[in-house]
């Protein structure tokens, strides 16, 4: 077998305050506001929420899979474990990190199993977004991690057609480019990537959006006119500002 160099490096994490500022922002608000900021392709299509009610925000550790070449990678699960890069992405994990995996949409390869995810949970990981599958899904769900997946399988990671090729490099996940250290916002609606250079602006705009939506939702629940309160019209702006001052 040809020796392939291990391609892995750590990420640059954003300040904790920036992550905390986005914790109240849902994926729907993030997607909408990013669109207004010029990022029209932020939602990762394919990976769906497998843990209802769980929401996470954290920096992305990335893992790239490639089509399997047997001369580059052993197909046996336990041959030379330290050559298996899906392990190495977890070695970088810190509290609050999110592992994002380009598994090429493959529905037959279990990228991680329960032992790997138990280790990730123990490192403080928040969740995973995988354009593919995991195995041992029942055990993994017990860990309390956030899971955004295409599905599940009984197969291990190279039992089929792909192999892990690089850690913390730019990847494509669900049709979206994800750079190492980008922020991931994920909840029941799905997973969204936030370019790190836009995270501060998103936090500011999303905070304003959440506030006026809270006011509008209240007025609509009281029978208010949809045309007046959603989106918030100029006619209701003064009423909203007064409500905001009293909060």
C-alpha atoms as a PDB file:
ATOM      1  CA  UNK A   1       0.000   0.000   0.000  1.00  0.00           C
ATOM      2  CA  UNK A   2       1.251   3.510  -0.857  1.00  0.00           C
ATOM      3  CA  UNK A   3       1.932   5.620   2.240  1.00  0.00           C
ATOM      4  CA  UNK A   4      -0.290   8.703   2.162  1.00  0.00           C
ATOM      5  CA  UNK A   5       0.778  11.687   4.306  1.00  0.00           C
ATOM      6  CA  UNK A   6      -1.558  12.572   7.162  1.00  0.00           C
ATOM      7  CA  UNK A   7      -3.068  15.970   6.347  1.00  0.00           C
ATOM      8  CA  UNK A   8      -4.288  17.513   9.575  1.00  0.00           C
ATOM      9  CA  UNK A   9      -3.981  20.805  11.462  1.00  0.00           C
ATOM     10  CA  UNK A  10      -5.824  22.675  14.193  1.00  0.00           C
ATOM     11  CA  UNK A  11      -8.322  25.484  13.592  1.00  0.00           C
ATOM     12  CA  UNK A  12      -8.428  29.101  14.689  1.00  0.00           C
ATOM     13  CA  UNK A  13     -11.405  29.449  17.006  1.00  0.00           C
ATOM     14  CA  UNK A  14     -13.453  32.655  17.319  1.00  0.00           C
ATOM     15  CA  UNK A  15     -13.748  34.493  20.644  1.00  0.00           C
ATOM     16  CA  UNK A  16     -16.162  32.838  23.065  1.00  0.00           C
ATOM     17  CA  UNK A  17     -18.193  36.049  23.277  1.00  0.00           C
ATOM     18  CA  UNK A  18     -18.913  35.867  19.552  1.00  0.00           C
ATOM     19  CA  UNK A  19     -20.148  32.292  19.821  1.00  0.00           C
ATOM     20  CA  UNK A  20     -22.333  33.234  22.793  1.00  0.00           C
ATOM     21  CA  UNK A  21     -23.787  36.189  20.858  1.00  0.00           C
ATOM     22  CA  UNK A  22     -25.150  33.763  18.262  1.00  0.00           C
ATOM     23  CA  UNK A  23     -26.668  31.251  20.669  1.00  0.00           C
ATOM     24  CA  UNK A  24     -30.096  32.866  20.486  1.00  0.00           C
ATOM     25  CA  UNK A  25     -30.040  32.859  16.671  1.00  0.00           C
ATOM     26  CA  UNK A  26     -31.828  29.990  14.951  1.00  0.00           C
ATOM     27  CA  UNK A  27     -30.805  28.500  11.630  1.00  0.00           C
ATOM     28  CA  UNK A  28     -33.788  30.087   9.853  1.00  0.00           C
ATOM     29  CA  UNK A  29     -32.881  33.583  11.047  1.00  0.00           C
ATOM     30  CA  UNK A  30     -29.216  32.961  10.271  1.00  0.00           C
ATOM     31  CA  UNK A  31     -30.001  31.770   6.743  1.00  0.00           C
ATOM     32  CA  UNK A  32     -32.227  34.766   6.058  1.00  0.00           C
ATOM     33  CA  UNK A  33     -29.820  37.349   7.441  1.00  0.00           C
ATOM     34  CA  UNK A  34     -26.834  35.788   5.676  1.00  0.00           C
ATOM     35  CA  UNK A  35     -28.782  36.001   2.429  1.00  0.00           C
ATOM     36  CA  UNK A  36     -29.213  39.729   3.045  1.00  0.00           C
ATOM     37  CA  UNK A  37     -25.474  39.953   3.716  1.00  0.00           C
ATOM     38  CA  UNK A  38     -24.756  38.393   0.314  1.00  0.00           C
ATOM     39  CA  UNK A  39     -24.280  34.713   1.285  1.00  0.00           C
ATOM     40  CA  UNK A  40     -27.063  32.917  -0.592  1.00  0.00           C
ATOM     41  CA  UNK A  41     -25.779  29.374  -0.068  1.00  0.00           C
ATOM     42  CA  UNK A  42     -25.374  28.803   3.673  1.00  0.00           C
ATOM     43  CA  UNK A  43     -27.854  25.979   4.393  1.00  0.00           C
ATOM     44  CA  UNK A  44     -26.380  22.488   4.145  1.00  0.00           C
ATOM     45  CA  UNK A  45     -28.878  20.444   2.117  1.00  0.00           C
ATOM     46  CA  UNK A  46     -29.093  16.768   3.020  1.00  0.00           C
ATOM     47  CA  UNK A  47     -27.992  16.450   6.661  1.00  0.00           C
ATOM     48  CA  UNK A  48     -31.213  16.531   8.698  1.00  0.00           C
ATOM     49  CA  UNK A  49     -31.736  16.937  12.427  1.00  0.00           C
ATOM     50  CA  UNK A  50     -31.792  13.561  14.197  1.00  0.00           C
ATOM     51  CA  UNK A  51     -31.990  15.055  17.712  1.00  0.00           C
ATOM     52  CA  UNK A  52     -35.183  17.159  17.930  1.00  0.00           C
ATOM     53  CA  UNK A  53     -34.996  20.118  20.275  1.00  0.00           C
ATOM     54  CA  UNK A  54     -31.197  20.313  20.250  1.00  0.00           C
ATOM     55  CA  UNK A  55     -29.584  23.520  19.000  1.00  0.00           C
ATOM     56  CA  UNK A  56     -25.853  24.220  18.797  1.00  0.00           C
ATOM     57  CA  UNK A  57     -23.453  26.980  17.798  1.00  0.00           C
ATOM     58  CA  UNK A  58     -19.739  26.297  17.474  1.00  0.00           C
ATOM     59  CA  UNK A  59     -16.644  26.362  15.274  1.00  0.00           C
ATOM     60  CA  UNK A  60     -16.240  23.756  12.562  1.00  0.00           C
ATOM     61  CA  UNK A  61     -13.654  21.013  12.592  1.00  0.00           C
ATOM     62  CA  UNK A  62     -13.720  19.599   9.056  1.00  0.00           C
ATOM     63  CA  UNK A  63     -13.187  16.093   7.727  1.00  0.00           C
ATOM     64  CA  UNK A  64     -12.914  15.324   4.023  1.00  0.00           C
ATOM     65  CA  UNK A  65     -13.663  11.935   2.471  1.00  0.00           C
ATOM     66  CA  UNK A  66     -12.619  10.888  -1.038  1.00  0.00           C
ATOM     67  CA  UNK A  67     -13.557   7.961  -3.292  1.00  0.00           C
ATOM     68  CA  UNK A  68     -11.834   4.839  -2.020  1.00  0.00           C
ATOM     69  CA  UNK A  69      -8.494   3.809  -3.538  1.00  0.00           C
ATOM     70  CA  UNK A  70      -7.342   0.572  -2.007  1.00  0.00           C
ATOM     71  CA  UNK A  71      -3.646   1.308  -2.566  1.00  0.00           C
ATOM     72  CA  UNK A  72      -3.977   4.486  -0.477  1.00  0.00           C
ATOM     73  CA  UNK A  73      -6.112   3.280   2.404  1.00  0.00           C
ATOM     74  CA  UNK A  74      -6.735  -0.061   4.166  1.00  0.00           C
ATOM     75  CA  UNK A  75     -10.305  -1.305   4.065  1.00  0.00           C
ATOM     76  CA  UNK A  76     -10.059  -3.154   7.374  1.00  0.00           C
ATOM     77  CA  UNK A  77     -11.483  -1.163  10.285  1.00  0.00           C
ATOM     78  CA  UNK A  78      -8.609  -1.747  12.722  1.00  0.00           C
ATOM     79  CA  UNK A  79      -5.499  -1.924  10.513  1.00  0.00           C
ATOM     80  CA  UNK A  80      -3.063   0.805  11.659  1.00  0.00           C
ATOM     81  CA  UNK A  81      -5.662   2.922  13.503  1.00  0.00           C
ATOM     82  CA  UNK A  82      -3.499   6.055  13.593  1.00  0.00           C
ATOM     83  CA  UNK A  83      -3.574   6.186   9.778  1.00  0.00           C
ATOM     84  CA  UNK A  84      -7.351   6.627   9.987  1.00  0.00           C
ATOM     85  CA  UNK A  85      -8.005  10.339   9.696  1.00  0.00           C
ATOM     86  CA  UNK A  86     -11.555  10.201  10.993  1.00  0.00           C
ATOM     87  CA  UNK A  87      -9.882   9.616  14.375  1.00  0.00           C
ATOM     88  CA  UNK A  88      -7.591  12.624  13.976  1.00  0.00           C
ATOM     89  CA  UNK A  89     -10.379  15.170  13.519  1.00  0.00           C
ATOM     90  CA  UNK A  90     -11.628  14.154  16.967  1.00  0.00           C
ATOM     91  CA  UNK A  91      -8.177  14.633  18.509  1.00  0.00           C
ATOM     92  CA  UNK A  92      -8.550  18.366  17.784  1.00  0.00           C
ATOM     93  CA  UNK A  93     -11.919  18.631  19.542  1.00  0.00           C
ATOM     94  CA  UNK A  94     -12.450  21.170  22.299  1.00  0.00           C
ATOM     95  CA  UNK A  95     -15.552  22.138  24.224  1.00  0.00           C
ATOM     96  CA  UNK A  96     -18.271  23.427  21.909  1.00  0.00           C
ATOM     97  CA  UNK A  97     -16.697  22.289  18.633  1.00  0.00           C
ATOM     98  CA  UNK A  98     -18.759  20.916  15.749  1.00  0.00           C
ATOM     99  CA  UNK A  99     -17.363  18.241  13.418  1.00  0.00           C
ATOM    100  CA  UNK A 100     -18.499  18.794   9.821  1.00  0.00           C
ATOM    101  CA  UNK A 101     -17.925  15.931   7.388  1.00  0.00           C
ATOM    102  CA  UNK A 102     -17.887  15.795   3.621  1.00  0.00           C
ATOM    103  CA  UNK A 103     -18.851  12.137   3.249  1.00  0.00           C
ATOM    104  CA  UNK A 104     -19.872  12.692  -0.377  1.00  0.00           C
ATOM    105  CA  UNK A 105     -23.517  11.973   0.391  1.00  0.00           C
ATOM    106  CA  UNK A 106     -22.637   8.287   0.746  1.00  0.00           C
ATOM    107  CA  UNK A 107     -25.466   6.354   2.392  1.00  0.00           C
ATOM    108  CA  UNK A 108     -23.569   3.125   3.082  1.00  0.00           C
ATOM    109  CA  UNK A 109     -20.524   4.264   5.069  1.00  0.00           C
ATOM    110  CA  UNK A 110     -20.779   4.846   8.832  1.00  0.00           C
ATOM    111  CA  UNK A 111     -18.378   7.755   9.347  1.00  0.00           C
ATOM    112  CA  UNK A 112     -18.391   7.400  13.150  1.00  0.00           C
ATOM    113  CA  UNK A 113     -19.611   4.780  15.562  1.00  0.00           C
ATOM    114  CA  UNK A 114     -20.506   4.966  19.241  1.00  0.00           C
ATOM    115  CA  UNK A 115     -16.931   4.631  20.532  1.00  0.00           C
ATOM    116  CA  UNK A 116     -15.673   7.561  18.445  1.00  0.00           C
ATOM    117  CA  UNK A 117     -18.643   9.702  19.418  1.00  0.00           C
ATOM    118  CA  UNK A 118     -18.256   8.797  23.087  1.00  0.00           C
ATOM    119  CA  UNK A 119     -14.690  10.102  22.874  1.00  0.00           C
ATOM    120  CA  UNK A 120     -15.882  13.272  21.107  1.00  0.00           C
ATOM    121  CA  UNK A 121     -18.533  13.847  23.774  1.00  0.00           C
ATOM    122  CA  UNK A 122     -15.905  13.384  26.465  1.00  0.00           C
ATOM    123  CA  UNK A 123     -13.799  16.075  24.796  1.00  0.00           C
ATOM    124  CA  UNK A 124     -16.717  18.489  25.066  1.00  0.00           C
ATOM    125  CA  UNK A 125     -17.907  18.288  21.456  1.00  0.00           C
ATOM    126  CA  UNK A 126     -21.286  19.850  20.724  1.00  0.00           C
ATOM    127  CA  UNK A 127     -22.396  17.900  17.662  1.00  0.00           C
ATOM    128  CA  UNK A 128     -21.721  16.628  14.161  1.00  0.00           C
ATOM    129  CA  UNK A 129     -22.982  17.570  10.712  1.00  0.00           C
ATOM    130  CA  UNK A 130     -22.365  14.738   8.258  1.00  0.00           C
ATOM    131  CA  UNK A 131     -23.202  14.593   4.566  1.00  0.00           C
ATOM    132  CA  UNK A 132     -23.537  10.859   5.073  1.00  0.00           C
ATOM    133  CA  UNK A 133     -24.201   8.397   7.882  1.00  0.00           C
ATOM    134  CA  UNK A 134     -23.152   7.070  11.276  1.00  0.00           C
ATOM    135  CA  UNK A 135     -23.525   3.595  12.707  1.00  0.00           C
ATOM    136  CA  UNK A 136     -24.468   2.520  16.270  1.00  0.00           C
ATOM    137  CA  UNK A 137     -27.100   5.233  16.044  1.00  0.00           C
ATOM    138  CA  UNK A 138     -29.099   4.161  19.098  1.00  0.00           C
ATOM    139  CA  UNK A 139     -26.016   4.350  21.323  1.00  0.00           C
ATOM    140  CA  UNK A 140     -24.880   7.654  19.809  1.00  0.00           C
ATOM    141  CA  UNK A 141     -28.268   9.273  20.422  1.00  0.00           C
ATOM    142  CA  UNK A 142     -27.940   8.461  24.138  1.00  0.00           C
ATOM    143  CA  UNK A 143     -24.820  10.662  24.351  1.00  0.00           C
ATOM    144  CA  UNK A 144     -26.728  13.935  24.017  1.00  0.00           C
ATOM    145  CA  UNK A 145     -24.748  15.214  21.041  1.00  0.00           C
ATOM    146  CA  UNK A 146     -26.477  17.182  18.296  1.00  0.00           C
ATOM    147  CA  UNK A 147     -26.744  15.047  15.155  1.00  0.00           C
ATOM    148  CA  UNK A 148     -27.387  16.322  11.631  1.00  0.00           C
ATOM    149  CA  UNK A 149     -27.086  13.371   9.232  1.00  0.00           C
ATOM    150  CA  UNK A 150     -28.331  11.964   5.953  1.00  0.00           C
ATOM    151  CA  UNK A 151     -29.069   8.665   7.670  1.00  0.00           C
ATOM    152  CA  UNK A 152     -27.668   5.625   9.440  1.00  0.00           C
ATOM    153  CA  UNK A 153     -26.009   2.362   8.397  1.00  0.00           C
ATOM    154  CA  UNK A 154     -24.511  -0.741  10.058  1.00  0.00           C
ATOM    155  CA  UNK A 155     -21.304  -0.390   7.983  1.00  0.00           C
ATOM    156  CA  UNK A 156     -18.034   1.047   9.259  1.00  0.00           C
ATOM    157  CA  UNK A 157     -16.319   4.034   7.649  1.00  0.00           C
ATOM    158  CA  UNK A 158     -14.453   2.342   4.767  1.00  0.00           C
ATOM    159  CA  UNK A 159     -16.561  -0.766   4.378  1.00  0.00           C
ATOM    160  CA  UNK A 160     -17.887   0.692   1.150  1.00  0.00           C
ATOM    161  CA  UNK A 161     -16.704   3.355  -1.322  1.00  0.00           C
ATOM    162  CA  UNK A 162     -15.038   6.256   0.522  1.00  0.00           C
ATOM    163  CA  UNK A 163     -12.072   6.954   2.785  1.00  0.00           C
ATOM    164  CA  UNK A 164     -11.047   9.879   5.076  1.00  0.00           C
ATOM    165  CA  UNK A 165      -8.422  11.961   3.272  1.00  0.00           C
ATOM    166  CA  UNK A 166      -7.832  15.240   5.137  1.00  0.00           C
ATOM    167  CA  UNK A 167      -8.630  17.064   8.377  1.00  0.00           C
ATOM    168  CA  UNK A 168      -9.319  20.792   8.772  1.00  0.00           C
ATOM    169  CA  UNK A 169      -9.226  21.690   5.102  1.00  0.00           C
ATOM    170  CA  UNK A 170     -11.974  23.414   3.084  1.00  0.00           C
ATOM    171  CA  UNK A 171     -14.753  20.937   2.334  1.00  0.00           C
ATOM    172  CA  UNK A 172     -18.155  20.748   0.690  1.00  0.00           C
ATOM    173  CA  UNK A 173     -20.975  19.582   2.962  1.00  0.00           C
ATOM    174  CA  UNK A 174     -24.528  19.465   1.684  1.00  0.00           C
ATOM    175  CA  UNK A 175     -23.581  21.589  -1.315  1.00  0.00           C
ATOM    176  CA  UNK A 176     -22.009  24.313   0.834  1.00  0.00           C
ATOM    177  CA  UNK A 177     -18.357  25.289   1.245  1.00  0.00           C
ATOM    178  CA  UNK A 178     -17.227  25.012   4.865  1.00  0.00           C
ATOM    179  CA  UNK A 179     -13.869  26.364   5.995  1.00  0.00           C
ATOM    180  CA  UNK A 180     -12.172  25.173   9.188  1.00  0.00           C
ATOM    181  CA  UNK A 181     -13.164  27.554  11.995  1.00  0.00           C
ATOM    182  CA  UNK A 182     -16.378  28.774  10.343  1.00  0.00           C
ATOM    183  CA  UNK A 183     -19.267  28.870  12.784  1.00  0.00           C
ATOM    184  CA  UNK A 184     -22.069  26.326  12.534  1.00  0.00           C
ATOM    185  CA  UNK A 185     -25.606  27.110  13.669  1.00  0.00           C
ATOM    186  CA  UNK A 186     -27.803  24.010  13.742  1.00  0.00           C
ATOM    187  CA  UNK A 187     -31.239  23.203  15.139  1.00  0.00           C
ATOM    188  CA  UNK A 188     -34.492  21.460  14.160  1.00  0.00           C
ATOM    189  CA  UNK A 189     -34.576  23.263  10.790  1.00  0.00           C
ATOM    190  CA  UNK A 190     -31.089  22.143   9.758  1.00  0.00           C
ATOM    191  CA  UNK A 191     -27.481  23.313   9.749  1.00  0.00           C
ATOM    192  CA  UNK A 192     -26.137  26.634   8.447  1.00  0.00           C
ATOM    193  CA  UNK A 193     -22.511  27.711   7.990  1.00  0.00           C
ATOM    194  CA  UNK A 194     -21.579  31.242   9.051  1.00  0.00           C
ATOM    195  CA  UNK A 195     -18.406  32.646   7.429  1.00  0.00           C
ATOM    196  CA  UNK A 196     -16.306  33.788  10.357  1.00  0.00           C
ATOM    197  CA  UNK A 197     -15.772  37.281   8.926  1.00  0.00           C
ATOM    198  CA  UNK A 198     -19.564  37.839   8.909  1.00  0.00           C
ATOM    199  CA  UNK A 199     -20.314  36.374  12.336  1.00  0.00           C
ATOM    200  CA  UNK A 200     -20.212  39.692  14.204  1.00  0.00           C
ATOM    201  CA  UNK A 201     -22.488  41.441  11.719  1.00  0.00           C
ATOM    202  CA  UNK A 202     -24.852  38.468  11.734  1.00  0.00           C
ATOM    203  CA  UNK A 203     -25.047  38.588  15.542  1.00  0.00           C
ATOM    204  CA  UNK A 204     -26.013  42.267  15.433  1.00  0.00           C
ATOM    205  CA  UNK A 205     -28.598  41.977  12.656  1.00  0.00           C
ATOM    206  CA  UNK A 206     -30.055  38.737  13.976  1.00  0.00           C
ATOM    207  CA  UNK A 207     -30.498  40.255  17.437  1.00  0.00           C
ATOM    208  CA  UNK A 208     -32.577  43.068  15.939  1.00  0.00           C
ATOM    209  CA  UNK A 209     -34.541  40.556  13.861  1.00  0.00           C
ATOM    210  CA  UNK A 210     -35.304  38.339  16.857  1.00  0.00           C
ATOM    211  CA  UNK A 211     -36.535  41.342  18.865  1.00  0.00           C
ATOM    212  CA  UNK A 212     -39.004  42.655  16.303  1.00  0.00           C
ATOM    213  CA  UNK A 213     -40.210  39.129  15.546  1.00  0.00           C
ATOM    214  CA  UNK A 214     -40.939  38.620  19.245  1.00  0.00           C
ATOM    215  CA  UNK A 215     -43.020  41.818  19.227  1.00  0.00           C
ATOM    216  CA  UNK A 216     -44.767  40.885  15.970  1.00  0.00           C
ATOM    217  CA  UNK A 217     -45.538  37.375  17.183  1.00  0.00           C
ATOM    218  CA  UNK A 218     -47.154  38.838  20.293  1.00  0.00           C
ATOM    219  CA  UNK A 219     -49.327  41.219  18.274  1.00  0.00           C
ATOM    220  CA  UNK A 220     -50.320  38.495  15.792  1.00  0.00           C
ATOM    221  CA  UNK A 221     -51.304  36.192  18.669  1.00  0.00           C
ATOM    222  CA  UNK A 222     -53.610  39.016  19.843  1.00  0.00           C
ATOM    223  CA  UNK A 223     -55.300  39.199  16.442  1.00  0.00           C
ATOM    224  CA  UNK A 224     -53.133  41.922  14.910  1.00  0.00           C
ATOM    225  CA  UNK A 225     -53.075  42.504  11.155  1.00  0.00           C
ATOM    226  CA  UNK A 226     -50.496  40.393   9.314  1.00  0.00           C
ATOM    227  CA  UNK A 227     -49.955  43.263   6.872  1.00  0.00           C
ATOM    228  CA  UNK A 228     -48.998  45.562   9.744  1.00  0.00           C
ATOM    229  CA  UNK A 229     -46.882  43.263  11.875  1.00  0.00           C
ATOM    230  CA  UNK A 230     -45.162  40.800   9.510  1.00  0.00           C
ATOM    231  CA  UNK A 231     -42.862  42.003   8.296  1.00  0.00           C
ATOM    232  CA  UNK A 232     -42.876  44.935  10.701  1.00  0.00           C
ATOM    233  CA  UNK A 233     -44.306  47.906   8.803  1.00  0.00           C
ATOM    234  CA  UNK A 234     -43.345  51.548   9.170  1.00  0.00           C
ATOM    235  CA  UNK A 235     -46.789  52.136  10.646  1.00  0.00           C
ATOM    236  CA  UNK A 236     -46.001  49.763  13.538  1.00  0.00           C
ATOM    237  CA  UNK A 237     -42.418  50.936  14.076  1.00  0.00           C
ATOM    238  CA  UNK A 238     -43.294  53.473  16.775  1.00  0.00           C
ATOM    239  CA  UNK A 239     -45.392  50.923  18.637  1.00  0.00           C
ATOM    240  CA  UNK A 240     -42.505  48.447  18.457  1.00  0.00           C
ATOM    241  CA  UNK A 241     -39.959  50.970  19.766  1.00  0.00           C
ATOM    242  CA  UNK A 242     -42.231  51.775  22.718  1.00  0.00           C
ATOM    243  CA  UNK A 243     -42.659  48.057  23.462  1.00  0.00           C
ATOM    244  CA  UNK A 244     -38.896  47.573  23.241  1.00  0.00           C
ATOM    245  CA  UNK A 245     -38.173  50.356  25.729  1.00  0.00           C
ATOM    246  CA  UNK A 246     -40.462  48.704  28.248  1.00  0.00           C
ATOM    247  CA  UNK A 247     -38.806  45.278  28.042  1.00  0.00           C
END
